[in-house]
N, C-alpha and C. Protein backbone atom coordinates (compact mmCIF):
# COMPACT_ATOMS: atom_id res chain seq x y z
N MET A 1 82.89 -18.44 -43.90
CA MET A 1 83.10 -17.96 -45.24
C MET A 1 84.53 -18.29 -45.65
N LEU A 2 84.72 -18.76 -46.86
CA LEU A 2 86.03 -19.06 -47.41
C LEU A 2 86.49 -17.86 -48.23
N VAL A 3 87.69 -17.38 -47.91
CA VAL A 3 88.26 -16.25 -48.63
C VAL A 3 89.60 -16.69 -49.19
N VAL A 4 89.79 -16.52 -50.48
CA VAL A 4 91.05 -16.89 -51.13
C VAL A 4 91.68 -15.63 -51.71
N HIS A 5 92.92 -15.38 -51.31
CA HIS A 5 93.68 -14.26 -51.84
C HIS A 5 94.91 -14.83 -52.54
N ARG A 6 95.33 -14.14 -53.60
CA ARG A 6 96.52 -14.55 -54.33
C ARG A 6 97.43 -13.35 -54.49
N ALA A 7 98.74 -13.60 -54.39
CA ALA A 7 99.73 -12.56 -54.61
C ALA A 7 101.06 -13.23 -54.91
N GLU A 8 101.96 -12.49 -55.53
CA GLU A 8 103.27 -13.04 -55.85
C GLU A 8 104.22 -13.00 -54.66
N ARG A 9 103.90 -12.20 -53.66
CA ARG A 9 104.78 -12.06 -52.50
C ARG A 9 104.01 -12.42 -51.24
N ALA A 10 104.68 -13.18 -50.37
CA ALA A 10 104.05 -13.63 -49.13
C ALA A 10 103.76 -12.45 -48.20
N ASP A 11 104.60 -11.43 -48.19
CA ASP A 11 104.35 -10.30 -47.29
C ASP A 11 103.06 -9.57 -47.67
N LEU A 12 102.74 -9.53 -48.97
CA LEU A 12 101.48 -8.91 -49.39
C LEU A 12 100.28 -9.74 -48.93
N LEU A 13 100.42 -11.06 -49.02
CA LEU A 13 99.36 -11.94 -48.53
C LEU A 13 99.17 -11.76 -47.03
N ALA A 14 100.27 -11.63 -46.30
CA ALA A 14 100.18 -11.43 -44.85
C ALA A 14 99.47 -10.12 -44.53
N GLU A 15 99.73 -9.09 -45.31
CA GLU A 15 99.05 -7.80 -45.10
C GLU A 15 97.55 -7.94 -45.36
N MET A 16 97.18 -8.62 -46.45
CA MET A 16 95.75 -8.81 -46.76
C MET A 16 95.08 -9.63 -45.66
N LEU A 17 95.79 -10.64 -45.16
CA LEU A 17 95.23 -11.45 -44.07
C LEU A 17 95.06 -10.60 -42.82
N GLY A 18 96.04 -9.74 -42.54
CA GLY A 18 95.92 -8.85 -41.39
C GLY A 18 94.70 -7.95 -41.50
N ASP A 19 94.45 -7.43 -42.71
CA ASP A 19 93.26 -6.61 -42.93
C ASP A 19 91.99 -7.41 -42.66
N LEU A 20 91.98 -8.64 -43.13
CA LEU A 20 90.80 -9.49 -42.96
C LEU A 20 90.58 -9.83 -41.48
N LEU A 21 91.65 -10.18 -40.77
CA LEU A 21 91.52 -10.57 -39.37
C LEU A 21 91.32 -9.39 -38.43
N ALA A 22 91.62 -8.18 -38.88
CA ALA A 22 91.45 -6.99 -38.03
C ALA A 22 89.98 -6.73 -37.73
N ALA A 23 89.11 -7.16 -38.64
CA ALA A 23 87.67 -7.01 -38.41
C ALA A 23 87.21 -8.18 -37.55
N PRO A 24 86.71 -7.93 -36.35
CA PRO A 24 86.33 -9.03 -35.46
C PRO A 24 85.13 -9.82 -35.99
N LEU A 25 85.12 -11.09 -35.65
CA LEU A 25 83.98 -11.96 -35.99
C LEU A 25 82.78 -11.59 -35.12
N ASP A 26 81.60 -11.98 -35.56
CA ASP A 26 80.39 -11.73 -34.77
C ASP A 26 80.46 -12.43 -33.42
N ASP A 27 81.04 -13.63 -33.41
CA ASP A 27 81.21 -14.40 -32.18
C ASP A 27 82.65 -14.24 -31.70
N PRO A 28 82.88 -13.53 -30.61
CA PRO A 28 84.26 -13.28 -30.17
C PRO A 28 85.00 -14.55 -29.74
N MET A 29 84.27 -15.64 -29.51
CA MET A 29 84.91 -16.89 -29.11
C MET A 29 85.21 -17.81 -30.31
N ALA A 30 84.75 -17.43 -31.51
CA ALA A 30 84.99 -18.24 -32.70
C ALA A 30 86.46 -18.12 -33.11
N THR A 31 86.99 -19.22 -33.58
CA THR A 31 88.39 -19.27 -34.01
C THR A 31 88.49 -18.99 -35.50
N GLU A 32 89.41 -18.13 -35.86
CA GLU A 32 89.72 -17.90 -37.28
C GLU A 32 90.55 -19.09 -37.76
N ILE A 33 90.35 -19.51 -38.99
CA ILE A 33 91.09 -20.64 -39.54
C ILE A 33 91.87 -20.17 -40.75
N VAL A 34 93.19 -20.37 -40.71
CA VAL A 34 94.09 -19.99 -41.79
C VAL A 34 94.94 -21.20 -42.12
N SER A 35 94.75 -21.78 -43.28
CA SER A 35 95.50 -22.97 -43.67
C SER A 35 96.89 -22.57 -44.15
N VAL A 36 97.90 -23.31 -43.68
CA VAL A 36 99.29 -23.04 -44.02
C VAL A 36 99.97 -24.33 -44.47
N PRO A 37 100.98 -24.24 -45.34
CA PRO A 37 101.64 -25.46 -45.83
C PRO A 37 102.67 -26.05 -44.86
N THR A 38 103.25 -25.23 -43.99
CA THR A 38 104.30 -25.72 -43.08
C THR A 38 104.21 -25.00 -41.74
N ARG A 39 104.85 -25.58 -40.73
CA ARG A 39 104.89 -24.94 -39.42
C ARG A 39 105.74 -23.67 -39.47
N GLY A 40 106.75 -23.64 -40.33
CA GLY A 40 107.57 -22.44 -40.49
C GLY A 40 106.75 -21.26 -40.98
N VAL A 41 105.86 -21.51 -41.94
CA VAL A 41 104.97 -20.45 -42.44
C VAL A 41 104.04 -20.00 -41.33
N GLU A 42 103.57 -20.96 -40.54
CA GLU A 42 102.69 -20.60 -39.41
C GLU A 42 103.41 -19.66 -38.45
N ARG A 43 104.66 -19.99 -38.09
CA ARG A 43 105.40 -19.15 -37.15
C ARG A 43 105.65 -17.76 -37.73
N TRP A 44 106.06 -17.70 -39.00
CA TRP A 44 106.31 -16.41 -39.64
C TRP A 44 105.04 -15.58 -39.69
N LEU A 45 103.95 -16.21 -40.08
CA LEU A 45 102.68 -15.51 -40.20
C LEU A 45 102.18 -15.03 -38.84
N THR A 46 102.33 -15.86 -37.83
CA THR A 46 101.93 -15.47 -36.47
C THR A 46 102.70 -14.23 -36.02
N GLN A 47 103.99 -14.22 -36.29
CA GLN A 47 104.80 -13.06 -35.90
C GLN A 47 104.38 -11.81 -36.68
N ARG A 48 104.13 -11.96 -37.98
CA ARG A 48 103.69 -10.82 -38.79
C ARG A 48 102.35 -10.28 -38.29
N LEU A 49 101.43 -11.19 -38.01
CA LEU A 49 100.11 -10.77 -37.55
C LEU A 49 100.17 -10.15 -36.16
N ALA A 50 101.02 -10.68 -35.31
CA ALA A 50 101.14 -10.12 -33.95
C ALA A 50 101.66 -8.69 -33.98
N GLY A 51 102.44 -8.36 -34.98
CA GLY A 51 102.91 -6.98 -35.12
C GLY A 51 101.83 -6.03 -35.58
N ARG A 52 100.69 -6.57 -35.96
CA ARG A 52 99.62 -5.75 -36.50
C ARG A 52 98.32 -5.82 -35.69
N LEU A 53 97.96 -7.01 -35.24
CA LEU A 53 96.66 -7.20 -34.57
C LEU A 53 96.74 -6.86 -33.09
N GLY A 54 95.77 -6.14 -32.60
CA GLY A 54 95.66 -5.87 -31.16
C GLY A 54 96.71 -4.94 -30.61
N ARG A 55 97.45 -4.26 -31.43
CA ARG A 55 98.50 -3.38 -30.89
C ARG A 55 97.98 -1.96 -30.73
N ARG A 56 98.61 -1.28 -29.82
CA ARG A 56 98.27 0.12 -29.61
C ARG A 56 99.07 0.97 -30.59
N ASP A 57 98.53 2.11 -30.96
CA ASP A 57 99.24 3.01 -31.88
C ASP A 57 100.60 3.37 -31.32
N GLY A 58 101.60 3.23 -32.16
CA GLY A 58 102.95 3.58 -31.76
C GLY A 58 103.66 2.53 -30.93
N HIS A 59 103.03 1.40 -30.68
CA HIS A 59 103.65 0.34 -29.90
C HIS A 59 103.68 -0.97 -30.69
N ALA A 60 104.62 -1.81 -30.38
CA ALA A 60 104.71 -3.13 -31.02
C ALA A 60 104.28 -4.19 -30.01
N ASP A 61 103.07 -4.02 -29.47
CA ASP A 61 102.61 -4.91 -28.41
C ASP A 61 101.41 -5.76 -28.82
N GLY A 62 101.29 -6.05 -30.12
CA GLY A 62 100.14 -6.81 -30.61
C GLY A 62 100.24 -8.29 -30.26
N VAL A 63 99.16 -8.99 -30.59
CA VAL A 63 99.10 -10.42 -30.30
C VAL A 63 98.27 -11.11 -31.39
N CYS A 64 98.70 -12.29 -31.76
CA CYS A 64 97.93 -13.11 -32.70
C CYS A 64 97.35 -14.26 -31.88
N ALA A 65 96.05 -14.16 -31.61
CA ALA A 65 95.40 -15.16 -30.75
C ALA A 65 94.11 -15.64 -31.38
N ASN A 66 93.71 -16.83 -31.00
CA ASN A 66 92.47 -17.45 -31.44
C ASN A 66 92.44 -17.63 -32.96
N VAL A 67 93.60 -18.00 -33.51
CA VAL A 67 93.73 -18.32 -34.93
C VAL A 67 94.30 -19.72 -35.02
N ALA A 68 93.61 -20.61 -35.72
CA ALA A 68 94.09 -21.98 -35.93
C ALA A 68 94.78 -22.03 -37.29
N PHE A 69 95.88 -22.77 -37.37
CA PHE A 69 96.66 -22.88 -38.59
C PHE A 69 96.78 -24.34 -39.02
N PRO A 70 95.70 -24.95 -39.52
CA PRO A 70 95.79 -26.35 -39.94
C PRO A 70 96.49 -26.48 -41.31
N PHE A 71 97.07 -27.64 -41.53
CA PHE A 71 97.60 -27.96 -42.86
C PHE A 71 96.43 -28.16 -43.81
N PRO A 72 96.64 -28.01 -45.11
CA PRO A 72 95.53 -28.19 -46.05
C PRO A 72 94.83 -29.55 -45.92
N GLY A 73 95.57 -30.62 -45.75
CA GLY A 73 94.96 -31.95 -45.61
C GLY A 73 94.06 -32.04 -44.39
N THR A 74 94.51 -31.47 -43.29
CA THR A 74 93.72 -31.47 -42.07
C THR A 74 92.45 -30.66 -42.26
N LEU A 75 92.57 -29.52 -42.92
CA LEU A 75 91.40 -28.68 -43.18
C LEU A 75 90.39 -29.43 -44.05
N VAL A 76 90.86 -30.08 -45.10
CA VAL A 76 89.97 -30.83 -45.99
C VAL A 76 89.28 -31.95 -45.22
N ARG A 77 90.04 -32.68 -44.40
CA ARG A 77 89.46 -33.78 -43.61
C ARG A 77 88.37 -33.26 -42.67
N HIS A 78 88.62 -32.14 -42.03
CA HIS A 78 87.63 -31.58 -41.10
C HIS A 78 86.38 -31.10 -41.84
N VAL A 79 86.55 -30.49 -42.98
CA VAL A 79 85.39 -30.03 -43.75
C VAL A 79 84.57 -31.23 -44.22
N LEU A 80 85.24 -32.25 -44.76
CA LEU A 80 84.53 -33.44 -45.22
C LEU A 80 83.79 -34.12 -44.07
N ALA A 81 84.44 -34.21 -42.93
CA ALA A 81 83.80 -34.84 -41.77
C ALA A 81 82.60 -34.02 -41.31
N GLU A 82 82.73 -32.72 -41.31
CA GLU A 82 81.62 -31.84 -40.91
C GLU A 82 80.42 -32.03 -41.82
N VAL A 83 80.67 -32.07 -43.12
CA VAL A 83 79.58 -32.25 -44.09
C VAL A 83 78.93 -33.62 -43.91
N ALA A 84 79.75 -34.64 -43.62
CA ALA A 84 79.22 -36.00 -43.46
C ALA A 84 78.68 -36.27 -42.06
N GLY A 85 78.85 -35.31 -41.14
CA GLY A 85 78.38 -35.48 -39.78
C GLY A 85 79.21 -36.49 -39.00
N GLU A 86 80.50 -36.56 -39.30
CA GLU A 86 81.40 -37.51 -38.64
C GLU A 86 82.42 -36.77 -37.78
N ASP A 87 83.11 -37.52 -36.95
CA ASP A 87 84.19 -36.98 -36.14
C ASP A 87 85.47 -37.02 -36.98
N PRO A 88 86.07 -35.87 -37.30
CA PRO A 88 87.26 -35.87 -38.16
C PRO A 88 88.45 -36.59 -37.54
N ASP A 89 88.50 -36.65 -36.23
CA ASP A 89 89.63 -37.30 -35.57
C ASP A 89 89.53 -38.82 -35.58
N SER A 90 88.37 -39.35 -35.97
CA SER A 90 88.23 -40.81 -36.00
C SER A 90 88.39 -41.37 -37.41
N SER A 91 88.71 -40.53 -38.38
CA SER A 91 88.89 -41.00 -39.75
C SER A 91 90.08 -41.94 -39.84
N PRO A 92 89.91 -43.09 -40.50
CA PRO A 92 91.04 -43.99 -40.65
C PRO A 92 92.07 -43.47 -41.65
N TRP A 93 91.75 -42.39 -42.38
CA TRP A 93 92.65 -41.86 -43.40
C TRP A 93 93.63 -40.82 -42.88
N THR A 94 93.63 -40.52 -41.58
CA THR A 94 94.63 -39.59 -41.07
C THR A 94 95.99 -40.28 -41.15
N PRO A 95 97.04 -39.55 -41.50
CA PRO A 95 98.36 -40.18 -41.63
C PRO A 95 98.79 -40.94 -40.38
N GLU A 96 98.42 -40.41 -39.21
CA GLU A 96 98.80 -41.08 -37.96
C GLU A 96 98.17 -42.47 -37.87
N ARG A 97 96.94 -42.60 -38.34
CA ARG A 97 96.24 -43.89 -38.29
C ARG A 97 96.62 -44.80 -39.45
N LEU A 98 96.95 -44.23 -40.61
CA LEU A 98 97.27 -45.03 -41.79
C LEU A 98 98.55 -45.84 -41.62
N ALA A 99 99.47 -45.34 -40.83
CA ALA A 99 100.77 -46.02 -40.70
C ALA A 99 100.62 -47.46 -40.22
N TRP A 100 99.69 -47.71 -39.32
CA TRP A 100 99.58 -49.05 -38.73
C TRP A 100 99.02 -50.09 -39.70
N PRO A 101 97.91 -49.82 -40.40
CA PRO A 101 97.49 -50.81 -41.39
C PRO A 101 98.49 -50.95 -42.53
N LEU A 102 99.19 -49.87 -42.88
CA LEU A 102 100.22 -49.97 -43.90
C LEU A 102 101.35 -50.89 -43.45
N LEU A 103 101.74 -50.75 -42.21
CA LEU A 103 102.80 -51.60 -41.66
C LEU A 103 102.40 -53.07 -41.73
N GLU A 104 101.16 -53.36 -41.40
CA GLU A 104 100.68 -54.74 -41.46
C GLU A 104 100.60 -55.24 -42.90
N LEU A 105 100.11 -54.41 -43.82
CA LEU A 105 100.03 -54.81 -45.23
C LEU A 105 101.41 -55.07 -45.83
N VAL A 106 102.34 -54.20 -45.54
CA VAL A 106 103.69 -54.38 -46.04
C VAL A 106 104.27 -55.68 -45.51
N GLY A 107 104.10 -55.92 -44.22
CA GLY A 107 104.61 -57.17 -43.64
C GLY A 107 103.98 -58.40 -44.26
N ALA A 108 102.70 -58.34 -44.57
CA ALA A 108 101.98 -59.49 -45.12
C ALA A 108 102.33 -59.75 -46.58
N HIS A 109 102.74 -58.73 -47.32
CA HIS A 109 102.95 -58.88 -48.77
C HIS A 109 104.38 -58.60 -49.20
N LEU A 110 105.29 -58.51 -48.28
CA LEU A 110 106.67 -58.11 -48.59
C LEU A 110 107.35 -59.05 -49.57
N ASP A 111 106.97 -60.32 -49.58
CA ASP A 111 107.62 -61.29 -50.47
C ASP A 111 106.93 -61.42 -51.82
N GLU A 112 105.90 -60.63 -52.07
CA GLU A 112 105.19 -60.71 -53.34
C GLU A 112 105.88 -59.82 -54.38
N PRO A 113 105.90 -60.26 -55.64
CA PRO A 113 106.64 -59.53 -56.68
C PRO A 113 106.22 -58.07 -56.85
N TRP A 114 104.94 -57.75 -56.71
CA TRP A 114 104.50 -56.37 -56.92
C TRP A 114 105.09 -55.41 -55.91
N LEU A 115 105.53 -55.91 -54.74
CA LEU A 115 106.08 -55.05 -53.69
C LEU A 115 107.62 -55.12 -53.64
N ALA A 116 108.23 -55.71 -54.66
CA ALA A 116 109.69 -55.89 -54.69
C ALA A 116 110.47 -54.59 -54.50
N PRO A 117 110.09 -53.47 -55.15
CA PRO A 117 110.88 -52.25 -54.93
C PRO A 117 110.92 -51.81 -53.47
N LEU A 118 109.79 -51.92 -52.79
CA LEU A 118 109.76 -51.55 -51.38
C LEU A 118 110.53 -52.58 -50.55
N ALA A 119 110.40 -53.85 -50.89
CA ALA A 119 111.12 -54.90 -50.17
C ALA A 119 112.63 -54.69 -50.29
N ASP A 120 113.09 -54.32 -51.48
CA ASP A 120 114.52 -54.06 -51.66
C ASP A 120 114.97 -52.91 -50.77
N HIS A 121 114.16 -51.88 -50.70
CA HIS A 121 114.48 -50.74 -49.84
C HIS A 121 114.56 -51.15 -48.37
N LEU A 122 113.59 -51.95 -47.94
CA LEU A 122 113.55 -52.35 -46.53
C LEU A 122 114.64 -53.35 -46.17
N ARG A 123 115.07 -54.14 -47.13
CA ARG A 123 116.07 -55.18 -46.85
C ARG A 123 117.48 -54.64 -46.83
N THR A 124 117.69 -53.36 -47.10
CA THR A 124 119.04 -52.81 -47.02
C THR A 124 119.54 -52.81 -45.58
N ASP A 125 118.62 -52.80 -44.63
CA ASP A 125 118.94 -52.94 -43.21
C ASP A 125 118.13 -54.11 -42.68
N ALA A 126 118.58 -55.32 -42.97
CA ALA A 126 117.82 -56.52 -42.61
C ALA A 126 117.49 -56.53 -41.12
N GLY A 127 116.22 -56.82 -40.83
CA GLY A 127 115.78 -56.96 -39.45
C GLY A 127 115.53 -55.64 -38.74
N ASP A 128 115.56 -54.54 -39.45
CA ASP A 128 115.38 -53.24 -38.81
C ASP A 128 113.89 -52.88 -38.79
N ASP A 129 113.22 -53.21 -37.67
CA ASP A 129 111.79 -52.91 -37.54
C ASP A 129 111.52 -51.41 -37.52
N ASP A 130 112.47 -50.64 -36.99
CA ASP A 130 112.30 -49.19 -36.97
C ASP A 130 112.21 -48.64 -38.40
N ARG A 131 112.97 -49.23 -39.30
CA ARG A 131 112.93 -48.77 -40.69
C ARG A 131 111.57 -49.07 -41.31
N ARG A 132 110.99 -50.22 -40.99
CA ARG A 132 109.66 -50.54 -41.52
C ARG A 132 108.62 -49.54 -41.02
N LEU A 133 108.67 -49.23 -39.74
CA LEU A 133 107.71 -48.28 -39.19
C LEU A 133 107.90 -46.89 -39.79
N SER A 134 109.13 -46.43 -39.89
CA SER A 134 109.36 -45.10 -40.47
C SER A 134 108.95 -45.08 -41.94
N THR A 135 109.14 -46.18 -42.65
CA THR A 135 108.70 -46.25 -44.04
C THR A 135 107.18 -46.23 -44.13
N ALA A 136 106.50 -46.94 -43.24
CA ALA A 136 105.03 -46.92 -43.22
C ALA A 136 104.52 -45.52 -42.91
N ARG A 137 105.17 -44.84 -41.98
CA ARG A 137 104.77 -43.45 -41.68
C ARG A 137 105.00 -42.55 -42.88
N HIS A 138 106.11 -42.75 -43.56
CA HIS A 138 106.41 -41.95 -44.76
C HIS A 138 105.36 -42.20 -45.84
N LEU A 139 104.99 -43.46 -46.05
CA LEU A 139 103.96 -43.79 -47.04
C LEU A 139 102.61 -43.18 -46.66
N ALA A 140 102.28 -43.21 -45.38
CA ALA A 140 101.02 -42.60 -44.93
C ALA A 140 101.00 -41.11 -45.25
N ASP A 141 102.11 -40.43 -44.99
CA ASP A 141 102.21 -39.01 -45.32
C ASP A 141 102.15 -38.79 -46.83
N LEU A 142 102.79 -39.68 -47.58
CA LEU A 142 102.78 -39.57 -49.04
C LEU A 142 101.35 -39.71 -49.58
N TYR A 143 100.62 -40.71 -49.10
CA TYR A 143 99.24 -40.90 -49.55
C TYR A 143 98.37 -39.71 -49.15
N ASP A 144 98.62 -39.16 -47.98
CA ASP A 144 97.88 -37.98 -47.55
C ASP A 144 98.17 -36.79 -48.48
N ARG A 145 99.43 -36.59 -48.83
CA ARG A 145 99.79 -35.49 -49.74
C ARG A 145 99.19 -35.71 -51.14
N TYR A 146 99.18 -36.96 -51.59
CA TYR A 146 98.51 -37.24 -52.87
C TYR A 146 97.05 -36.81 -52.79
N GLY A 147 96.39 -37.14 -51.69
CA GLY A 147 94.98 -36.80 -51.54
C GLY A 147 94.72 -35.31 -51.55
N VAL A 148 95.65 -34.54 -51.01
CA VAL A 148 95.48 -33.09 -50.95
C VAL A 148 95.90 -32.42 -52.25
N HIS A 149 97.09 -32.79 -52.75
CA HIS A 149 97.66 -32.07 -53.87
C HIS A 149 97.44 -32.73 -55.24
N ARG A 150 97.21 -34.04 -55.25
CA ARG A 150 97.02 -34.75 -56.52
C ARG A 150 95.92 -35.78 -56.40
N PRO A 151 94.72 -35.37 -56.03
CA PRO A 151 93.63 -36.33 -55.80
C PRO A 151 93.28 -37.14 -57.04
N GLU A 152 93.56 -36.61 -58.23
CA GLU A 152 93.25 -37.35 -59.45
C GLU A 152 94.02 -38.67 -59.53
N ILE A 153 95.20 -38.72 -58.94
CA ILE A 153 95.96 -39.97 -58.91
C ILE A 153 95.21 -41.01 -58.09
N LEU A 154 94.75 -40.63 -56.91
CA LEU A 154 94.03 -41.58 -56.05
C LEU A 154 92.71 -42.00 -56.68
N LEU A 155 92.04 -41.09 -57.36
CA LEU A 155 90.79 -41.44 -58.03
C LEU A 155 91.05 -42.45 -59.15
N ASP A 156 92.14 -42.28 -59.87
CA ASP A 156 92.49 -43.24 -60.91
C ASP A 156 92.87 -44.59 -60.29
N TRP A 157 93.60 -44.56 -59.19
CA TRP A 157 93.95 -45.81 -58.50
C TRP A 157 92.69 -46.54 -58.05
N ALA A 158 91.72 -45.79 -57.55
CA ALA A 158 90.48 -46.41 -57.08
C ALA A 158 89.74 -47.11 -58.23
N ARG A 159 89.92 -46.60 -59.45
CA ARG A 159 89.30 -47.22 -60.63
C ARG A 159 90.16 -48.33 -61.21
N GLY A 160 91.32 -48.60 -60.60
CA GLY A 160 92.20 -49.66 -61.07
C GLY A 160 93.32 -49.19 -61.98
N GLY A 161 93.44 -47.89 -62.19
CA GLY A 161 94.49 -47.35 -63.05
C GLY A 161 95.82 -47.20 -62.32
N ASP A 162 96.81 -46.67 -63.06
CA ASP A 162 98.14 -46.48 -62.47
C ASP A 162 98.42 -45.02 -62.11
N GLY A 163 97.47 -44.13 -62.40
CA GLY A 163 97.61 -42.72 -62.04
C GLY A 163 98.66 -41.99 -62.83
N GLY A 164 99.22 -42.64 -63.86
CA GLY A 164 100.25 -41.99 -64.66
C GLY A 164 101.61 -41.93 -64.00
N ILE A 165 101.80 -42.69 -62.92
CA ILE A 165 103.11 -42.67 -62.25
C ILE A 165 104.06 -43.63 -62.95
N SER A 166 105.33 -43.50 -62.68
CA SER A 166 106.34 -44.32 -63.36
C SER A 166 106.15 -45.80 -63.02
N SER A 167 106.65 -46.64 -63.90
CA SER A 167 106.48 -48.09 -63.70
C SER A 167 107.19 -48.57 -62.44
N THR A 168 108.26 -47.90 -62.03
CA THR A 168 108.98 -48.32 -60.82
C THR A 168 108.22 -47.97 -59.54
N ALA A 169 107.23 -47.07 -59.65
CA ALA A 169 106.46 -46.66 -58.47
C ALA A 169 105.04 -47.21 -58.47
N ARG A 170 104.71 -48.08 -59.40
CA ARG A 170 103.33 -48.58 -59.51
C ARG A 170 102.92 -49.46 -58.33
N TRP A 171 103.88 -49.94 -57.58
CA TRP A 171 103.55 -50.71 -56.38
C TRP A 171 102.75 -49.84 -55.40
N GLN A 172 102.97 -48.50 -55.45
CA GLN A 172 102.23 -47.60 -54.56
C GLN A 172 100.73 -47.69 -54.82
N ALA A 173 100.36 -47.80 -56.10
CA ALA A 173 98.94 -47.89 -56.44
C ALA A 173 98.33 -49.18 -55.90
N GLU A 174 99.04 -50.29 -56.07
CA GLU A 174 98.53 -51.58 -55.58
C GLU A 174 98.42 -51.57 -54.06
N LEU A 175 99.44 -51.04 -53.39
CA LEU A 175 99.41 -50.96 -51.93
C LEU A 175 98.26 -50.07 -51.47
N TRP A 176 98.05 -48.95 -52.16
CA TRP A 176 96.95 -48.05 -51.79
C TRP A 176 95.60 -48.74 -51.96
N ARG A 177 95.42 -49.48 -53.08
CA ARG A 177 94.15 -50.18 -53.30
C ARG A 177 93.91 -51.22 -52.20
N ARG A 178 94.94 -51.93 -51.82
CA ARG A 178 94.80 -52.93 -50.75
C ARG A 178 94.51 -52.23 -49.41
N LEU A 179 95.13 -51.10 -49.20
CA LEU A 179 94.86 -50.32 -47.98
C LEU A 179 93.41 -49.86 -47.96
N ARG A 180 92.94 -49.33 -49.09
CA ARG A 180 91.55 -48.87 -49.17
C ARG A 180 90.59 -50.02 -48.92
N ASP A 181 90.85 -51.20 -49.51
CA ASP A 181 90.00 -52.38 -49.29
C ASP A 181 89.99 -52.77 -47.81
N ARG A 182 91.16 -52.68 -47.20
CA ARG A 182 91.26 -53.05 -45.78
C ARG A 182 90.49 -52.08 -44.90
N LEU A 183 90.59 -50.78 -45.21
CA LEU A 183 89.89 -49.78 -44.39
C LEU A 183 88.38 -49.81 -44.65
N GLY A 184 88.00 -50.12 -45.88
CA GLY A 184 86.58 -50.22 -46.22
C GLY A 184 85.85 -48.88 -46.24
N VAL A 185 86.60 -47.80 -46.35
CA VAL A 185 86.04 -46.44 -46.34
C VAL A 185 86.65 -45.67 -47.51
N PRO A 186 85.84 -44.96 -48.29
CA PRO A 186 86.43 -44.17 -49.38
C PRO A 186 87.44 -43.15 -48.83
N SER A 187 88.47 -42.92 -49.61
CA SER A 187 89.49 -41.95 -49.22
C SER A 187 88.90 -40.54 -49.29
N PRO A 188 89.55 -39.58 -48.65
CA PRO A 188 89.07 -38.19 -48.76
C PRO A 188 88.99 -37.71 -50.20
N ALA A 189 89.90 -38.14 -51.06
CA ALA A 189 89.84 -37.75 -52.46
C ALA A 189 88.57 -38.25 -53.12
N GLU A 190 88.14 -39.45 -52.75
CA GLU A 190 86.91 -40.01 -53.30
C GLU A 190 85.68 -39.34 -52.69
N GLN A 191 85.78 -38.97 -51.43
CA GLN A 191 84.65 -38.31 -50.77
C GLN A 191 84.42 -36.95 -51.36
C-alpha cells in the first residue's frame, strides 16, 4: 500500500511515519519501504525512528530495522520493473549503467557542432580521461533526475522537442535521444 503524508515540518512527518511503522506488517519478514531524497535524510530519519520503534517504556533503547530507504528514482525503477516483470537491476537506464554508453557517445561525437558546449567543457583539461568519465557519470545522474523530477522534459525530447530548456543546454536533448536510440529501450519516463 502506498501512503503519502504531507506536512510543513519534517519532524511532524517523522512522527506520522513512526505511527505508521509502529503497527507491524502481516508478514514479519517483509521490509517497509520509505523513499528519501538524500542519505542525510535517511540517517536522520533512522535515528528519529529508532528513538520510537521497539523501545521499552522509559528507555531509549529502540531500533529501526527492516526498513529500506531507496531514492525516488530507484523506487520508480523497481516499481516499473515489477509491473513489467523485469529485473530492476538489469535496466540500462540506471545511472551506474548509463555512464558507459554516454562516455562512448560523447567520445564519438565530441567534434560535432551540436556537442560544442560539452566539448569546450571537456577541453579545459586536455587529455584528462578522468574528467570525461566524471562528466559522463554526472550526465547519467542528471538524466536520472530529469526522469524522476521532470519527466515531461524527457517525454518532449523523445518526441523530438527541446523540453523548454535554454538554447545553450539543448545539446543535452540531442545526446539523450542518441543515448535512447543506442539503448533501444524506452526510458522510465516513457514507461
